[in-house]
């Protein structure tokens, strides 16, 4: 989902994957990347890569819980 209010991630692979996120996932990605970059002092490219990994992991965990395969 393309949204002009967001800056395109620096890494092309990350940008392609982020473009596929729904709005809630994109908001989570942006927030996580910003916290890692500004509060954690992480370089922007790395912050975006890690934020994407976290969002995709959270998506997978939600899907597993929905399928009844979650831990809780």
N, C-alpha and C. Protein backbone atom coordinates (compact mmCIF):
# COMPACT_ATOMS: atom_id res chain seq x y z
N UNK A 1 0.85 -1.17 0.00
CA UNK A 1 0.00 0.00 0.00
C UNK A 1 0.89 1.23 0.00
N UNK A 2 0.93 1.96 -1.05
CA UNK A 2 1.75 3.16 -1.15
C UNK A 2 1.04 4.31 -0.44
N UNK A 3 1.83 5.07 0.30
CA UNK A 3 1.27 6.22 0.99
C UNK A 3 2.30 7.33 0.93
N UNK A 4 1.94 8.45 0.32
CA UNK A 4 2.86 9.54 0.07
C UNK A 4 3.32 10.24 1.34
N UNK A 5 2.70 9.98 2.47
CA UNK A 5 3.10 10.67 3.69
C UNK A 5 4.33 10.03 4.34
N UNK A 6 4.77 8.92 3.83
CA UNK A 6 5.94 8.23 4.37
C UNK A 6 7.14 8.41 3.46
N UNK A 7 8.30 8.43 4.08
CA UNK A 7 9.55 8.48 3.33
C UNK A 7 9.88 7.06 2.88
N UNK A 8 10.36 6.91 1.66
CA UNK A 8 10.73 5.60 1.14
C UNK A 8 11.95 5.08 1.90
N UNK A 9 11.90 3.83 2.38
CA UNK A 9 13.07 3.26 3.06
C UNK A 9 14.31 3.29 2.16
N UNK A 10 15.47 3.37 2.80
CA UNK A 10 16.73 3.50 2.08
C UNK A 10 17.08 2.24 1.28
N UNK A 11 16.84 1.08 1.84
CA UNK A 11 17.18 -0.19 1.19
C UNK A 11 16.05 -0.58 0.23
N UNK A 12 16.40 -0.91 -1.00
CA UNK A 12 15.39 -1.23 -2.02
C UNK A 12 14.56 -2.45 -1.63
N UNK A 13 15.17 -3.47 -1.05
CA UNK A 13 14.43 -4.67 -0.64
C UNK A 13 13.43 -4.32 0.45
N UNK A 14 13.88 -3.54 1.42
CA UNK A 14 12.99 -3.11 2.50
C UNK A 14 11.85 -2.28 1.92
N UNK A 15 12.15 -1.39 1.00
CA UNK A 15 11.12 -0.55 0.39
C UNK A 15 10.06 -1.39 -0.31
N UNK A 16 10.48 -2.43 -1.02
CA UNK A 16 9.52 -3.31 -1.71
C UNK A 16 8.61 -4.02 -0.71
N UNK A 17 9.18 -4.50 0.37
CA UNK A 17 8.39 -5.22 1.37
C UNK A 17 7.48 -4.27 2.15
N UNK A 18 7.98 -3.10 2.47
CA UNK A 18 7.19 -2.13 3.21
C UNK A 18 5.99 -1.68 2.38
N UNK A 19 6.15 -1.59 1.08
CA UNK A 19 5.05 -1.19 0.21
C UNK A 19 3.88 -2.18 0.27
N UNK A 20 4.14 -3.40 0.71
CA UNK A 20 3.11 -4.44 0.80
C UNK A 20 2.39 -4.45 2.15
N UNK A 21 2.87 -3.67 3.12
CA UNK A 21 2.27 -3.67 4.45
C UNK A 21 0.91 -2.98 4.44
N UNK A 22 0.01 -3.44 5.31
CA UNK A 22 -1.24 -2.72 5.46
C UNK A 22 -0.98 -1.48 6.32
N UNK A 23 -1.97 -0.64 6.49
CA UNK A 23 -1.77 0.64 7.16
C UNK A 23 -1.28 0.47 8.60
N UNK A 24 -1.87 -0.45 9.34
CA UNK A 24 -1.46 -0.66 10.74
C UNK A 24 -0.02 -1.16 10.81
N UNK A 25 0.33 -2.08 9.91
CA UNK A 25 1.71 -2.58 9.88
C UNK A 25 2.68 -1.48 9.50
N UNK A 26 2.28 -0.63 8.57
CA UNK A 26 3.16 0.47 8.14
C UNK A 26 3.39 1.46 9.28
N UNK A 27 2.33 1.75 10.02
CA UNK A 27 2.47 2.64 11.18
C UNK A 27 3.42 2.03 12.20
N UNK A 28 3.28 0.74 12.44
CA UNK A 28 4.16 0.05 13.38
C UNK A 28 5.60 0.08 12.89
N UNK A 29 5.80 -0.17 11.60
CA UNK A 29 7.14 -0.12 11.01
C UNK A 29 7.76 1.26 11.22
N UNK A 30 7.02 2.31 10.89
CA UNK A 30 7.54 3.67 11.01
C UNK A 30 7.91 4.00 12.45
N UNK A 31 7.02 3.63 13.37
CA UNK A 31 7.28 3.91 14.78
C UNK A 31 8.51 3.17 15.29
N UNK A 32 8.60 1.89 14.97
CA UNK A 32 9.73 1.09 15.43
C UNK A 32 11.05 1.59 14.85
N UNK A 33 11.03 1.90 13.55
CA UNK A 33 12.26 2.40 12.91
C UNK A 33 12.69 3.72 13.53
N UNK A 34 11.74 4.60 13.79
CA UNK A 34 12.07 5.90 14.38
C UNK A 34 12.65 5.75 15.78
N UNK A 35 12.06 4.88 16.58
CA UNK A 35 12.57 4.66 17.93
C UNK A 35 13.98 4.11 17.88
N UNK A 36 14.21 3.12 17.03
CA UNK A 36 15.55 2.54 16.92
C UNK A 36 16.57 3.57 16.46
N UNK A 37 16.16 4.40 15.51
CA UNK A 37 17.08 5.40 14.97
C UNK A 37 17.33 6.54 15.96
N UNK A 38 16.28 7.14 16.45
CA UNK A 38 16.43 8.35 17.26
C UNK A 38 16.72 8.07 18.73
N UNK A 39 16.07 7.09 19.30
CA UNK A 39 16.31 6.77 20.71
C UNK A 39 17.48 5.81 20.89
N UNK A 40 17.66 4.92 19.91
CA UNK A 40 18.71 3.92 20.03
C UNK A 40 20.00 4.28 19.33
N UNK A 41 19.99 5.35 18.53
CA UNK A 41 21.20 5.77 17.84
C UNK A 41 21.62 4.85 16.70
N UNK A 42 20.70 4.05 16.21
CA UNK A 42 21.00 3.10 15.15
C UNK A 42 20.97 3.81 13.79
N UNK A 43 21.85 3.46 12.88
CA UNK A 43 21.77 4.03 11.53
C UNK A 43 20.40 3.74 10.91
N UNK A 44 19.90 4.70 10.14
CA UNK A 44 18.54 4.59 9.59
C UNK A 44 18.32 3.30 8.80
N UNK A 45 19.26 2.94 7.93
CA UNK A 45 19.11 1.74 7.11
C UNK A 45 18.92 0.51 8.00
N UNK A 46 19.75 0.38 9.02
CA UNK A 46 19.64 -0.77 9.93
C UNK A 46 18.34 -0.73 10.72
N UNK A 47 17.95 0.46 11.16
CA UNK A 47 16.69 0.59 11.91
C UNK A 47 15.51 0.15 11.05
N UNK A 48 15.50 0.53 9.78
CA UNK A 48 14.42 0.12 8.89
C UNK A 48 14.43 -1.39 8.67
N UNK A 49 15.60 -1.97 8.51
CA UNK A 49 15.68 -3.42 8.31
C UNK A 49 15.16 -4.17 9.52
N UNK A 50 15.58 -3.74 10.70
CA UNK A 50 15.14 -4.41 11.93
C UNK A 50 13.65 -4.19 12.19
N UNK A 51 13.18 -2.98 11.92
CA UNK A 51 11.76 -2.70 12.13
C UNK A 51 10.90 -3.59 11.22
N UNK A 52 11.31 -3.75 9.97
CA UNK A 52 10.57 -4.61 9.05
C UNK A 52 10.57 -6.04 9.56
N UNK A 53 11.71 -6.53 10.01
CA UNK A 53 11.79 -7.89 10.54
C UNK A 53 10.83 -8.07 11.71
N UNK A 54 10.76 -7.08 12.59
CA UNK A 54 9.85 -7.18 13.74
C UNK A 54 8.39 -7.18 13.30
N UNK A 55 8.04 -6.33 12.36
CA UNK A 55 6.66 -6.27 11.89
C UNK A 55 6.27 -7.58 11.22
N UNK A 56 7.14 -8.14 10.41
CA UNK A 56 6.84 -9.40 9.74
C UNK A 56 6.75 -10.56 10.73
N UNK A 57 7.58 -10.54 11.76
CA UNK A 57 7.51 -11.55 12.81
C UNK A 57 6.18 -11.45 13.55
N UNK A 58 5.78 -10.23 13.87
CA UNK A 58 4.50 -10.02 14.55
C UNK A 58 3.33 -10.50 13.68
N UNK A 59 3.40 -10.26 12.38
CA UNK A 59 2.36 -10.74 11.46
C UNK A 59 2.28 -12.26 11.51
N UNK A 60 3.43 -12.91 11.48
CA UNK A 60 3.47 -14.37 11.52
C UNK A 60 2.89 -14.90 12.84
N UNK A 61 3.23 -14.26 13.94
CA UNK A 61 2.69 -14.68 15.24
C UNK A 61 1.18 -14.50 15.31
N UNK A 62 0.68 -13.40 14.76
CA UNK A 62 -0.77 -13.18 14.73
C UNK A 62 -1.46 -14.27 13.91
N UNK A 63 -0.87 -14.62 12.79
CA UNK A 63 -1.45 -15.66 11.93
C UNK A 63 -1.46 -17.01 12.64
N UNK A 64 -0.40 -17.31 13.35
CA UNK A 64 -0.33 -18.57 14.08
C UNK A 64 -1.39 -18.62 15.18
N UNK A 65 -1.56 -17.51 15.88
CA UNK A 65 -2.59 -17.46 16.94
C UNK A 65 -3.97 -17.62 16.34
N UNK A 66 -4.20 -17.00 15.20
CA UNK A 66 -5.50 -17.10 14.53
C UNK A 66 -5.79 -18.52 14.08
N UNK A 67 -4.74 -19.25 13.73
CA UNK A 67 -4.88 -20.63 13.28
C UNK A 67 -4.92 -21.61 14.45
N UNK A 68 -4.79 -21.10 15.66
CA UNK A 68 -4.79 -21.97 16.82
C UNK A 68 -3.46 -22.60 17.14
N UNK A 69 -2.38 -22.08 16.53
CA UNK A 69 -1.06 -22.64 16.76
C UNK A 69 -0.20 -21.75 17.66
N UNK A 70 -0.79 -20.75 18.25
CA UNK A 70 -0.05 -19.84 19.10
C UNK A 70 0.28 -20.45 20.45
N UNK A 71 1.10 -19.77 21.19
CA UNK A 71 1.52 -20.25 22.48
C UNK A 71 0.49 -19.99 23.57
N UNK A 72 -0.36 -18.99 23.35
CA UNK A 72 -1.28 -18.62 24.42
C UNK A 72 -2.65 -18.76 24.07
